[in-house]
Amino acid sequence: MNGQARALIESMPNDIGTEAVAPLSFDEAFTLHHRAVFRTARAVVRDSALAEDVTQEVFLRLYRNLHATPGEDLLRAWLLRVTLNVARNTLRGQSRSMVRDNEYHRTTTEDGSAAAEAPAEDYERRMAIEEARRALDKIKEPMRSCLLLKQQGLSYREIATSLSLKETNIGSLVARGRKEFARVYGKIGGRR
């Protein structure tokens, strides 16, 4: 190799075109994805306080496993998948706790009188919400999860990644889920 070629090669940087994008820090990931994680958790557990607990657990897991999480493009899907799992586990624990609490209250309360009734509008609103929840509970997986995640604003790709499904199936699952929800909601609400 002649002297000019050698000088040219030595003057070139060693890492041409291999600039790595720095991974997101925990603070950046938290800022970018906190709202989506909280909304997904609230959609599953249906309680804001419980959703905060789930969100906190999800971000603790991210903090502990930051080095092992997927890249920035798949981080949101990973977080939402963890959110779904933690939320479902929380619901399992809640249902067991609720059974214990109800049994305790049933055995310790002698007076079974109910508290004052809520205003008619509040009652109707709560009934409509409960009907929608019951209808959603009757939709089979993975259609239910696809509907919830689509409602949270995720793309088909993100839904597919978070639920470990093929992206080509997500559109039909969402459409079938919507159709099934409308059918079941109509039966529960007496609107047929």
N, C-alpha and C. Protein backbone atom coordinates (compact mmCIF):
# COMPACT_ATOMS: atom_id res chain seq x y z
N MET A 1 0.85 -1.15 0.00
CA MET A 1 0.00 0.00 0.00
C MET A 1 0.91 1.23 0.00
N ASN A 2 0.57 2.18 -0.84
CA ASN A 2 1.41 3.37 -0.92
C ASN A 2 1.14 4.30 0.26
N GLY A 3 1.96 5.27 0.43
CA GLY A 3 1.89 6.18 1.57
C GLY A 3 0.63 7.01 1.61
N GLN A 4 0.16 7.45 0.43
CA GLN A 4 -1.06 8.27 0.40
C GLN A 4 -2.28 7.46 0.83
N ALA A 5 -2.38 6.23 0.35
CA ALA A 5 -3.52 5.38 0.71
C ALA A 5 -3.50 5.07 2.20
N ARG A 6 -2.31 4.79 2.72
CA ARG A 6 -2.20 4.49 4.15
C ARG A 6 -2.59 5.71 4.99
N ALA A 7 -2.14 6.90 4.60
CA ALA A 7 -2.47 8.13 5.32
C ALA A 7 -3.97 8.39 5.28
N LEU A 8 -4.60 8.10 4.12
CA LEU A 8 -6.03 8.29 3.99
C LEU A 8 -6.80 7.33 4.90
N ILE A 9 -6.40 6.09 4.93
CA ILE A 9 -7.07 5.09 5.77
C ILE A 9 -6.89 5.41 7.24
N GLU A 10 -5.70 5.83 7.63
CA GLU A 10 -5.45 6.14 9.03
C GLU A 10 -6.19 7.40 9.49
N SER A 11 -6.47 8.30 8.55
CA SER A 11 -7.18 9.52 8.93
C SER A 11 -8.70 9.31 9.06
N MET A 12 -9.21 8.20 8.57
CA MET A 12 -10.65 7.91 8.64
C MET A 12 -11.01 7.41 10.03
N PRO A 13 -12.17 7.80 10.52
CA PRO A 13 -12.59 7.28 11.83
C PRO A 13 -12.84 5.78 11.75
N ASN A 14 -12.65 5.10 12.86
CA ASN A 14 -12.81 3.65 12.89
C ASN A 14 -14.27 3.21 12.82
N ASP A 15 -15.18 4.05 13.24
CA ASP A 15 -16.57 3.60 13.35
C ASP A 15 -17.49 4.35 12.39
N ILE A 16 -17.16 4.33 11.13
CA ILE A 16 -17.98 5.00 10.13
C ILE A 16 -19.32 4.28 10.02
N GLY A 17 -20.40 5.04 10.18
CA GLY A 17 -21.73 4.47 10.01
C GLY A 17 -22.17 3.53 11.10
N THR A 18 -21.42 3.42 12.16
CA THR A 18 -21.82 2.51 13.23
C THR A 18 -22.14 3.26 14.50
N GLU A 19 -22.57 4.50 14.34
CA GLU A 19 -22.93 5.26 15.52
C GLU A 19 -24.15 4.62 16.18
N ALA A 20 -24.00 4.20 17.38
CA ALA A 20 -25.10 3.56 18.09
C ALA A 20 -25.95 4.63 18.76
N VAL A 21 -27.24 4.43 18.68
CA VAL A 21 -28.15 5.34 19.36
C VAL A 21 -28.15 4.96 20.83
N ALA A 22 -27.93 5.94 21.66
CA ALA A 22 -27.89 5.66 23.09
C ALA A 22 -29.26 5.18 23.55
N PRO A 23 -29.30 4.12 24.34
CA PRO A 23 -30.60 3.63 24.82
C PRO A 23 -31.24 4.66 25.74
N LEU A 24 -32.56 4.55 25.85
CA LEU A 24 -33.28 5.48 26.73
C LEU A 24 -32.87 5.27 28.17
N SER A 25 -32.76 6.35 28.88
CA SER A 25 -32.53 6.24 30.32
C SER A 25 -33.86 5.91 30.97
N PHE A 26 -33.82 5.52 32.23
CA PHE A 26 -35.05 5.21 32.95
C PHE A 26 -35.98 6.42 32.98
N ASP A 27 -35.42 7.60 33.26
CA ASP A 27 -36.24 8.82 33.34
C ASP A 27 -36.93 9.10 32.01
N GLU A 28 -36.21 8.93 30.91
CA GLU A 28 -36.81 9.17 29.60
C GLU A 28 -37.91 8.15 29.31
N ALA A 29 -37.67 6.89 29.63
CA ALA A 29 -38.67 5.85 29.41
C ALA A 29 -39.90 6.11 30.26
N PHE A 30 -39.69 6.51 31.50
CA PHE A 30 -40.82 6.81 32.39
C PHE A 30 -41.64 7.96 31.83
N THR A 31 -40.97 9.02 31.42
CA THR A 31 -41.67 10.19 30.90
C THR A 31 -42.45 9.85 29.63
N LEU A 32 -41.86 9.07 28.75
CA LEU A 32 -42.51 8.73 27.49
C LEU A 32 -43.68 7.77 27.65
N HIS A 33 -43.59 6.84 28.58
CA HIS A 33 -44.55 5.73 28.60
C HIS A 33 -45.43 5.66 29.83
N HIS A 34 -45.26 6.56 30.78
CA HIS A 34 -46.06 6.48 32.01
C HIS A 34 -47.55 6.53 31.73
N ARG A 35 -47.98 7.45 30.91
CA ARG A 35 -49.41 7.62 30.63
C ARG A 35 -50.01 6.37 30.00
N ALA A 36 -49.33 5.78 29.03
CA ALA A 36 -49.84 4.57 28.36
C ALA A 36 -49.92 3.40 29.34
N VAL A 37 -48.91 3.26 30.18
CA VAL A 37 -48.91 2.18 31.17
C VAL A 37 -50.06 2.38 32.15
N PHE A 38 -50.24 3.58 32.65
CA PHE A 38 -51.32 3.86 33.61
C PHE A 38 -52.69 3.62 32.98
N ARG A 39 -52.89 4.09 31.76
CA ARG A 39 -54.19 3.90 31.10
C ARG A 39 -54.49 2.43 30.88
N THR A 40 -53.50 1.67 30.47
CA THR A 40 -53.70 0.24 30.26
C THR A 40 -54.02 -0.44 31.58
N ALA A 41 -53.28 -0.10 32.62
CA ALA A 41 -53.54 -0.70 33.93
C ALA A 41 -54.95 -0.35 34.42
N ARG A 42 -55.34 0.90 34.26
CA ARG A 42 -56.68 1.32 34.71
C ARG A 42 -57.77 0.62 33.90
N ALA A 43 -57.53 0.40 32.62
CA ALA A 43 -58.52 -0.30 31.80
C ALA A 43 -58.71 -1.74 32.26
N VAL A 44 -57.66 -2.34 32.77
CA VAL A 44 -57.76 -3.74 33.22
C VAL A 44 -58.29 -3.83 34.64
N VAL A 45 -57.74 -3.04 35.57
CA VAL A 45 -58.13 -3.17 36.98
C VAL A 45 -59.33 -2.31 37.35
N ARG A 46 -59.64 -1.31 36.53
CA ARG A 46 -60.83 -0.46 36.70
C ARG A 46 -60.85 0.31 38.02
N ASP A 47 -59.68 0.69 38.47
CA ASP A 47 -59.57 1.46 39.71
C ASP A 47 -58.29 2.28 39.61
N SER A 48 -58.41 3.59 39.76
CA SER A 48 -57.24 4.47 39.58
C SER A 48 -56.15 4.21 40.61
N ALA A 49 -56.53 4.01 41.85
CA ALA A 49 -55.52 3.77 42.89
C ALA A 49 -54.78 2.46 42.63
N LEU A 50 -55.52 1.44 42.27
CA LEU A 50 -54.91 0.15 41.97
C LEU A 50 -54.05 0.25 40.71
N ALA A 51 -54.50 1.04 39.74
CA ALA A 51 -53.72 1.24 38.52
C ALA A 51 -52.40 1.94 38.83
N GLU A 52 -52.40 2.85 39.79
CA GLU A 52 -51.15 3.50 40.20
C GLU A 52 -50.18 2.47 40.78
N ASP A 53 -50.72 1.55 41.60
CA ASP A 53 -49.87 0.50 42.16
C ASP A 53 -49.28 -0.38 41.06
N VAL A 54 -50.11 -0.74 40.09
CA VAL A 54 -49.65 -1.57 38.98
C VAL A 54 -48.58 -0.81 38.19
N THR A 55 -48.83 0.46 37.92
CA THR A 55 -47.87 1.28 37.18
C THR A 55 -46.53 1.36 37.92
N GLN A 56 -46.60 1.54 39.22
CA GLN A 56 -45.37 1.59 40.01
C GLN A 56 -44.61 0.27 39.91
N GLU A 57 -45.32 -0.84 39.99
CA GLU A 57 -44.67 -2.15 39.90
C GLU A 57 -44.03 -2.35 38.53
N VAL A 58 -44.72 -1.92 37.48
CA VAL A 58 -44.18 -2.06 36.12
C VAL A 58 -42.88 -1.27 35.98
N PHE A 59 -42.86 -0.04 36.48
CA PHE A 59 -41.65 0.76 36.34
C PHE A 59 -40.54 0.31 37.29
N LEU A 60 -40.90 -0.33 38.39
CA LEU A 60 -39.86 -0.95 39.22
C LEU A 60 -39.20 -2.09 38.47
N ARG A 61 -40.01 -2.87 37.77
CA ARG A 61 -39.45 -3.96 36.97
C ARG A 61 -38.58 -3.42 35.84
N LEU A 62 -39.01 -2.32 35.23
CA LEU A 62 -38.18 -1.71 34.19
C LEU A 62 -36.85 -1.25 34.78
N TYR A 63 -36.89 -0.61 35.93
CA TYR A 63 -35.67 -0.10 36.57
C TYR A 63 -34.72 -1.24 36.89
N ARG A 64 -35.27 -2.33 37.42
CA ARG A 64 -34.43 -3.47 37.79
C ARG A 64 -33.85 -4.18 36.57
N ASN A 65 -34.59 -4.15 35.46
CA ASN A 65 -34.18 -4.90 34.27
C ASN A 65 -33.89 -4.00 33.08
N LEU A 66 -33.48 -2.77 33.32
CA LEU A 66 -33.25 -1.82 32.24
C LEU A 66 -32.23 -2.33 31.24
N HIS A 67 -31.25 -3.03 31.71
CA HIS A 67 -30.21 -3.54 30.81
C HIS A 67 -30.72 -4.69 29.93
N ALA A 68 -31.78 -5.37 30.33
CA ALA A 68 -32.28 -6.53 29.60
C ALA A 68 -33.54 -6.25 28.80
N THR A 69 -34.03 -5.03 28.82
CA THR A 69 -35.25 -4.71 28.09
C THR A 69 -34.96 -4.52 26.61
N PRO A 70 -36.00 -4.64 25.77
CA PRO A 70 -35.77 -4.47 24.34
C PRO A 70 -35.42 -3.02 24.00
N GLY A 71 -35.05 -2.80 22.78
CA GLY A 71 -34.67 -1.46 22.33
C GLY A 71 -35.82 -0.48 22.41
N GLU A 72 -35.51 0.76 22.11
CA GLU A 72 -36.47 1.85 22.23
C GLU A 72 -37.73 1.60 21.41
N ASP A 73 -37.59 1.02 20.21
CA ASP A 73 -38.75 0.82 19.35
C ASP A 73 -39.71 -0.23 19.90
N LEU A 74 -39.25 -1.15 20.71
CA LEU A 74 -40.12 -2.19 21.28
C LEU A 74 -40.37 -2.01 22.78
N LEU A 75 -39.83 -0.96 23.37
CA LEU A 75 -39.96 -0.77 24.80
C LEU A 75 -41.41 -0.56 25.22
N ARG A 76 -42.16 0.23 24.46
CA ARG A 76 -43.57 0.48 24.79
C ARG A 76 -44.37 -0.83 24.80
N ALA A 77 -44.16 -1.64 23.80
CA ALA A 77 -44.87 -2.92 23.74
C ALA A 77 -44.48 -3.81 24.92
N TRP A 78 -43.20 -3.82 25.26
CA TRP A 78 -42.73 -4.61 26.40
C TRP A 78 -43.39 -4.12 27.69
N LEU A 79 -43.40 -2.80 27.88
CA LEU A 79 -44.01 -2.24 29.09
C LEU A 79 -45.50 -2.57 29.18
N LEU A 80 -46.20 -2.51 28.06
CA LEU A 80 -47.63 -2.79 28.09
C LEU A 80 -47.91 -4.27 28.32
N ARG A 81 -47.04 -5.12 27.83
CA ARG A 81 -47.20 -6.55 28.10
C ARG A 81 -46.99 -6.83 29.58
N VAL A 82 -45.96 -6.23 30.17
CA VAL A 82 -45.72 -6.37 31.60
C VAL A 82 -46.90 -5.79 32.38
N THR A 83 -47.44 -4.67 31.92
CA THR A 83 -48.59 -4.05 32.58
C THR A 83 -49.78 -4.98 32.59
N LEU A 84 -50.07 -5.62 31.46
CA LEU A 84 -51.19 -6.56 31.41
C LEU A 84 -50.98 -7.71 32.39
N ASN A 85 -49.78 -8.24 32.43
CA ASN A 85 -49.50 -9.36 33.34
C ASN A 85 -49.62 -8.95 34.80
N VAL A 86 -49.03 -7.82 35.15
CA VAL A 86 -49.09 -7.36 36.55
C VAL A 86 -50.53 -7.03 36.93
N ALA A 87 -51.27 -6.41 36.03
CA ALA A 87 -52.66 -6.05 36.32
C ALA A 87 -53.51 -7.30 36.54
N ARG A 88 -53.32 -8.30 35.71
CA ARG A 88 -54.09 -9.55 35.88
C ARG A 88 -53.73 -10.23 37.20
N ASN A 89 -52.45 -10.25 37.54
CA ASN A 89 -52.04 -10.84 38.82
C ASN A 89 -52.62 -10.05 39.98
N THR A 90 -52.68 -8.73 39.85
CA THR A 90 -53.26 -7.89 40.89
C THR A 90 -54.74 -8.19 41.06
N LEU A 91 -55.44 -8.36 39.94
CA LEU A 91 -56.87 -8.68 40.02
C LEU A 91 -57.11 -10.03 40.71
N ARG A 92 -56.25 -10.98 40.43
CA ARG A 92 -56.39 -12.28 41.10
C ARG A 92 -56.26 -12.12 42.61
N GLY A 93 -55.26 -11.36 43.02
CA GLY A 93 -55.06 -11.12 44.45
C GLY A 93 -56.21 -10.32 45.04
N GLN A 94 -56.72 -9.34 44.29
CA GLN A 94 -57.84 -8.52 44.76
C GLN A 94 -59.09 -9.36 44.95
N SER A 95 -59.37 -10.26 44.02
CA SER A 95 -60.59 -11.06 44.15
C SER A 95 -60.52 -11.96 45.38
N ARG A 96 -59.35 -12.51 45.66
CA ARG A 96 -59.20 -13.32 46.87
C ARG A 96 -59.39 -12.46 48.12
N SER A 97 -58.82 -11.28 48.09
CA SER A 97 -58.94 -10.37 49.23
C SER A 97 -60.39 -9.93 49.41
N MET A 98 -61.08 -9.68 48.31
CA MET A 98 -62.47 -9.24 48.39
C MET A 98 -63.36 -10.33 48.98
N VAL A 99 -63.11 -11.55 48.61
CA VAL A 99 -63.88 -12.66 49.17
C VAL A 99 -63.68 -12.73 50.68
N ARG A 100 -62.43 -12.59 51.11
CA ARG A 100 -62.15 -12.60 52.55
C ARG A 100 -62.83 -11.43 53.25
N ASP A 101 -62.74 -10.23 52.67
CA ASP A 101 -63.37 -9.05 53.28
C ASP A 101 -64.88 -9.18 53.35
N ASN A 102 -65.48 -9.66 52.28
CA ASN A 102 -66.94 -9.82 52.27
C ASN A 102 -67.38 -10.83 53.32
N GLU A 103 -66.64 -11.90 53.44
CA GLU A 103 -66.97 -12.90 54.45
C GLU A 103 -66.84 -12.32 55.85
N TYR A 104 -65.81 -11.54 56.05
CA TYR A 104 -65.62 -10.90 57.35
C TYR A 104 -66.76 -9.95 57.66
N HIS A 105 -67.11 -9.10 56.70
CA HIS A 105 -68.19 -8.14 56.92
C HIS A 105 -69.53 -8.84 57.12
N ARG A 106 -69.74 -9.91 56.41
CA ARG A 106 -71.00 -10.65 56.54
C ARG A 106 -71.14 -11.24 57.94
N THR A 107 -70.05 -11.72 58.47
CA THR A 107 -70.11 -12.36 59.78
C THR A 107 -70.09 -11.35 60.92
N THR A 108 -69.51 -10.17 60.73
CA THR A 108 -69.40 -9.21 61.83
C THR A 108 -70.50 -8.16 61.83
N THR A 109 -71.16 -7.94 60.71
CA THR A 109 -72.20 -6.92 60.63
C THR A 109 -73.55 -7.54 60.95
N GLU A 110 -74.14 -7.05 61.99
CA GLU A 110 -75.47 -7.55 62.35
C GLU A 110 -76.54 -6.78 61.61
N ASP A 111 -76.35 -5.51 61.44
CA ASP A 111 -77.32 -4.68 60.76
C ASP A 111 -76.99 -4.69 59.27
N GLY A 112 -77.84 -5.21 58.44
CA GLY A 112 -77.60 -5.32 57.00
C GLY A 112 -78.15 -4.16 56.21
N SER A 113 -78.44 -3.03 56.86
CA SER A 113 -79.04 -1.91 56.13
C SER A 113 -78.02 -1.28 55.18
N ALA A 114 -78.50 -0.89 54.02
CA ALA A 114 -77.64 -0.28 53.01
C ALA A 114 -77.51 1.22 53.25
N ALA A 115 -76.45 1.78 52.73
CA ALA A 115 -76.25 3.23 52.85
C ALA A 115 -77.26 3.96 51.98
N ALA A 116 -77.36 5.25 52.17
CA ALA A 116 -78.30 6.04 51.38
C ALA A 116 -78.00 5.89 49.90
N GLU A 117 -79.07 5.83 49.10
CA GLU A 117 -78.90 5.62 47.67
C GLU A 117 -78.37 6.88 47.00
N ALA A 118 -77.60 6.65 45.93
CA ALA A 118 -77.02 7.76 45.17
C ALA A 118 -78.11 8.39 44.32
N PRO A 119 -77.90 9.61 43.85
CA PRO A 119 -78.88 10.23 42.96
C PRO A 119 -79.11 9.39 41.71
N ALA A 120 -80.27 9.58 41.10
CA ALA A 120 -80.67 8.76 39.95
C ALA A 120 -79.67 8.82 38.81
N GLU A 121 -79.11 9.98 38.53
CA GLU A 121 -78.17 10.11 37.42
C GLU A 121 -76.89 9.32 37.69
N ASP A 122 -76.41 9.42 38.90
CA ASP A 122 -75.20 8.70 39.26
C ASP A 122 -75.44 7.20 39.19
N TYR A 123 -76.60 6.78 39.63
CA TYR A 123 -76.95 5.37 39.59
C TYR A 123 -77.01 4.87 38.14
N GLU A 124 -77.64 5.63 37.26
CA GLU A 124 -77.75 5.23 35.85
C GLU A 124 -76.38 5.17 35.19
N ARG A 125 -75.54 6.14 35.51
CA ARG A 125 -74.19 6.15 34.95
C ARG A 125 -73.41 4.93 35.41
N ARG A 126 -73.51 4.63 36.69
CA ARG A 126 -72.80 3.46 37.21
C ARG A 126 -73.33 2.17 36.59
N MET A 127 -74.63 2.10 36.39
CA MET A 127 -75.21 0.90 35.78
C MET A 127 -74.73 0.75 34.33
N ALA A 128 -74.68 1.85 33.59
CA ALA A 128 -74.20 1.79 32.21
C ALA A 128 -72.74 1.34 32.16
N ILE A 129 -71.94 1.85 33.07
CA ILE A 129 -70.53 1.45 33.13
C ILE A 129 -70.42 -0.03 33.49
N GLU A 130 -71.22 -0.46 34.43
CA GLU A 130 -71.18 -1.87 34.84
C GLU A 130 -71.62 -2.79 33.70
N GLU A 131 -72.64 -2.36 32.94
CA GLU A 131 -73.09 -3.15 31.78
C GLU A 131 -71.97 -3.27 30.74
N ALA A 132 -71.29 -2.15 30.50
CA ALA A 132 -70.18 -2.18 29.53
C ALA A 132 -69.05 -3.08 30.03
N ARG A 133 -68.77 -3.05 31.31
CA ARG A 133 -67.71 -3.91 31.87
C ARG A 133 -68.09 -5.38 31.76
N ARG A 134 -69.35 -5.69 32.06
CA ARG A 134 -69.79 -7.09 31.95
C ARG A 134 -69.72 -7.55 30.50
N ALA A 135 -70.09 -6.68 29.57
CA ALA A 135 -70.01 -7.03 28.16
C ALA A 135 -68.56 -7.26 27.76
N LEU A 136 -67.67 -6.41 28.21
CA LEU A 136 -66.25 -6.55 27.90
C LEU A 136 -65.69 -7.84 28.50
N ASP A 137 -66.14 -8.19 29.70
CA ASP A 137 -65.67 -9.42 30.34
C ASP A 137 -66.11 -10.67 29.59
N LYS A 138 -67.18 -10.59 28.82
CA LYS A 138 -67.66 -11.76 28.07
C LYS A 138 -66.95 -11.96 26.76
N ILE A 139 -66.16 -10.98 26.33
CA ILE A 139 -65.41 -11.11 25.08
C ILE A 139 -64.17 -11.95 25.35
N LYS A 140 -63.94 -12.91 24.49
CA LYS A 140 -62.82 -13.83 24.68
C LYS A 140 -61.50 -13.15 24.34
N GLU A 141 -60.45 -13.69 24.96
CA GLU A 141 -59.09 -13.26 24.63
C GLU A 141 -58.72 -13.87 23.30
N PRO A 142 -57.92 -13.30 22.48
CA PRO A 142 -57.19 -12.06 22.63
C PRO A 142 -57.97 -10.83 22.13
N MET A 143 -59.25 -11.05 21.71
CA MET A 143 -60.03 -9.91 21.21
C MET A 143 -60.17 -8.81 22.27
N ARG A 144 -60.40 -9.21 23.53
CA ARG A 144 -60.58 -8.23 24.60
C ARG A 144 -59.30 -7.39 24.79
N SER A 145 -58.17 -8.05 24.85
CA SER A 145 -56.90 -7.31 25.02
C SER A 145 -56.62 -6.42 23.82
N CYS A 146 -56.93 -6.89 22.63
CA CYS A 146 -56.73 -6.07 21.44
C CYS A 146 -57.60 -4.82 21.50
N LEU A 147 -58.86 -4.98 21.92
CA LEU A 147 -59.75 -3.83 22.04
C LEU A 147 -59.22 -2.83 23.06
N LEU A 148 -58.81 -3.33 24.22
CA LEU A 148 -58.30 -2.44 25.26
C LEU A 148 -57.05 -1.68 24.80
N LEU A 149 -56.14 -2.38 24.17
CA LEU A 149 -54.90 -1.74 23.73
C LEU A 149 -55.15 -0.78 22.56
N LYS A 150 -56.08 -1.12 21.67
CA LYS A 150 -56.42 -0.22 20.58
C LYS A 150 -57.07 1.04 21.14
N GLN A 151 -57.90 0.88 22.17
CA GLN A 151 -58.53 2.03 22.82
C GLN A 151 -57.48 2.93 23.46
N GLN A 152 -56.36 2.36 23.87
CA GLN A 152 -55.28 3.14 24.47
C GLN A 152 -54.43 3.86 23.42
N GLY A 153 -54.74 3.62 22.14
CA GLY A 153 -54.05 4.34 21.08
C GLY A 153 -52.84 3.62 20.51
N LEU A 154 -52.69 2.35 20.78
CA LEU A 154 -51.55 1.61 20.25
C LEU A 154 -51.78 1.28 18.78
N SER A 155 -50.69 1.18 18.04
CA SER A 155 -50.77 0.77 16.64
C SER A 155 -50.92 -0.75 16.59
N TYR A 156 -51.30 -1.25 15.43
CA TYR A 156 -51.44 -2.70 15.27
C TYR A 156 -50.11 -3.40 15.56
N ARG A 157 -49.01 -2.78 15.15
CA ARG A 157 -47.68 -3.38 15.39
C ARG A 157 -47.40 -3.49 16.89
N GLU A 158 -47.70 -2.41 17.63
CA GLU A 158 -47.46 -2.42 19.07
C GLU A 158 -48.35 -3.44 19.77
N ILE A 159 -49.59 -3.53 19.32
CA ILE A 159 -50.51 -4.52 19.91
C ILE A 159 -49.99 -5.92 19.64
N ALA A 160 -49.59 -6.17 18.41
CA ALA A 160 -49.08 -7.50 18.05
C ALA A 160 -47.85 -7.86 18.87
N THR A 161 -46.96 -6.93 19.05
CA THR A 161 -45.75 -7.19 19.83
C THR A 161 -46.08 -7.44 21.29
N SER A 162 -46.95 -6.64 21.86
CA SER A 162 -47.24 -6.78 23.29
C SER A 162 -48.03 -8.03 23.60
N LEU A 163 -48.82 -8.53 22.65
CA LEU A 163 -49.62 -9.73 22.89
C LEU A 163 -49.02 -10.98 22.25
N SER A 164 -47.87 -10.82 21.61
CA SER A 164 -47.20 -11.93 20.92
C SER A 164 -48.10 -12.56 19.86
N LEU A 165 -48.71 -11.71 19.05
CA LEU A 165 -49.57 -12.16 17.96
C LEU A 165 -49.00 -11.65 16.64
N LYS A 166 -49.53 -12.16 15.52
CA LYS A 166 -49.12 -11.66 14.22
C LYS A 166 -49.82 -10.34 13.95
N GLU A 167 -49.06 -9.39 13.41
CA GLU A 167 -49.61 -8.06 13.13
C GLU A 167 -50.76 -8.14 12.14
N THR A 168 -50.72 -9.09 11.22
CA THR A 168 -51.76 -9.21 10.21
C THR A 168 -53.10 -9.64 10.82
N ASN A 169 -53.08 -10.22 12.01
CA ASN A 169 -54.32 -10.68 12.64
C ASN A 169 -54.98 -9.61 13.51
N ILE A 170 -54.27 -8.57 13.86
CA ILE A 170 -54.76 -7.60 14.84
C ILE A 170 -56.00 -6.87 14.34
N GLY A 171 -56.01 -6.44 13.09
CA GLY A 171 -57.15 -5.72 12.54
C GLY A 171 -58.43 -6.53 12.63
N SER A 172 -58.36 -7.79 12.26
CA SER A 172 -59.57 -8.63 12.31
C SER A 172 -59.97 -8.92 13.76
N LEU A 173 -58.99 -9.06 14.67
CA LEU A 173 -59.33 -9.27 16.07
C LEU A 173 -60.03 -8.05 16.67
N VAL A 174 -59.56 -6.87 16.31
CA VAL A 174 -60.19 -5.64 16.81
C VAL A 174 -61.60 -5.52 16.24
N ALA A 175 -61.75 -5.76 14.94
CA ALA A 175 -63.07 -5.65 14.31
C ALA A 175 -64.04 -6.68 14.89
N ARG A 176 -63.59 -7.91 15.05
CA ARG A 176 -64.45 -8.95 15.63
C ARG A 176 -64.77 -8.64 17.08
N GLY A 177 -63.79 -8.09 17.81
CA GLY A 177 -64.02 -7.73 19.20
C GLY A 177 -65.06 -6.63 19.32
N ARG A 178 -64.99 -5.63 18.45
CA ARG A 178 -65.98 -4.55 18.47
C ARG A 178 -67.38 -5.08 18.16
N LYS A 179 -67.45 -5.94 17.17
CA LYS A 179 -68.75 -6.52 16.78
C LYS A 179 -69.31 -7.36 17.93
N GLU A 180 -68.46 -8.16 18.55
CA GLU A 180 -68.89 -9.00 19.67
C GLU A 180 -69.31 -8.14 20.86
N PHE A 181 -68.57 -7.06 21.12
CA PHE A 181 -68.92 -6.16 22.21
C PHE A 181 -70.29 -5.55 21.98
N ALA A 182 -70.54 -5.08 20.77
CA ALA A 182 -71.84 -4.48 20.45
C ALA A 182 -72.96 -5.51 20.63
N ARG A 183 -72.72 -6.74 20.21
CA ARG A 183 -73.74 -7.78 20.34
C ARG A 183 -74.01 -8.09 21.81
N VAL A 184 -72.96 -8.31 22.59
CA VAL A 184 -73.11 -8.67 24.00
C VAL A 184 -73.67 -7.49 24.80
N TYR A 185 -73.21 -6.30 24.52
CA TYR A 185 -73.68 -5.11 25.24
C TYR A 185 -75.17 -4.90 24.98
N GLY A 186 -75.61 -5.15 23.76
CA GLY A 186 -77.03 -5.04 23.44
C GLY A 186 -77.87 -6.02 24.23
N LYS A 187 -77.38 -7.23 24.43
CA LYS A 187 -78.12 -8.23 25.21
C LYS A 187 -78.17 -7.86 26.68
N ILE A 188 -77.04 -7.43 27.24
CA ILE A 188 -76.99 -7.10 28.67
C ILE A 188 -77.84 -5.89 28.97
N GLY A 189 -77.77 -4.89 28.12
CA GLY A 189 -78.51 -3.65 28.35
C GLY A 189 -79.97 -3.74 27.93
N GLY A 190 -80.40 -4.87 27.37
CA GLY A 190 -81.77 -5.01 26.96
C GLY A 190 -82.09 -4.25 25.68
N ARG A 191 -81.07 -3.87 24.94
CA ARG A 191 -81.27 -3.10 23.71
C ARG A 191 -81.06 -4.04 22.53
N ARG A 192 -82.03 -4.71 22.13
CA ARG A 192 -81.85 -5.65 21.04
C ARG A 192 -82.68 -5.32 19.87
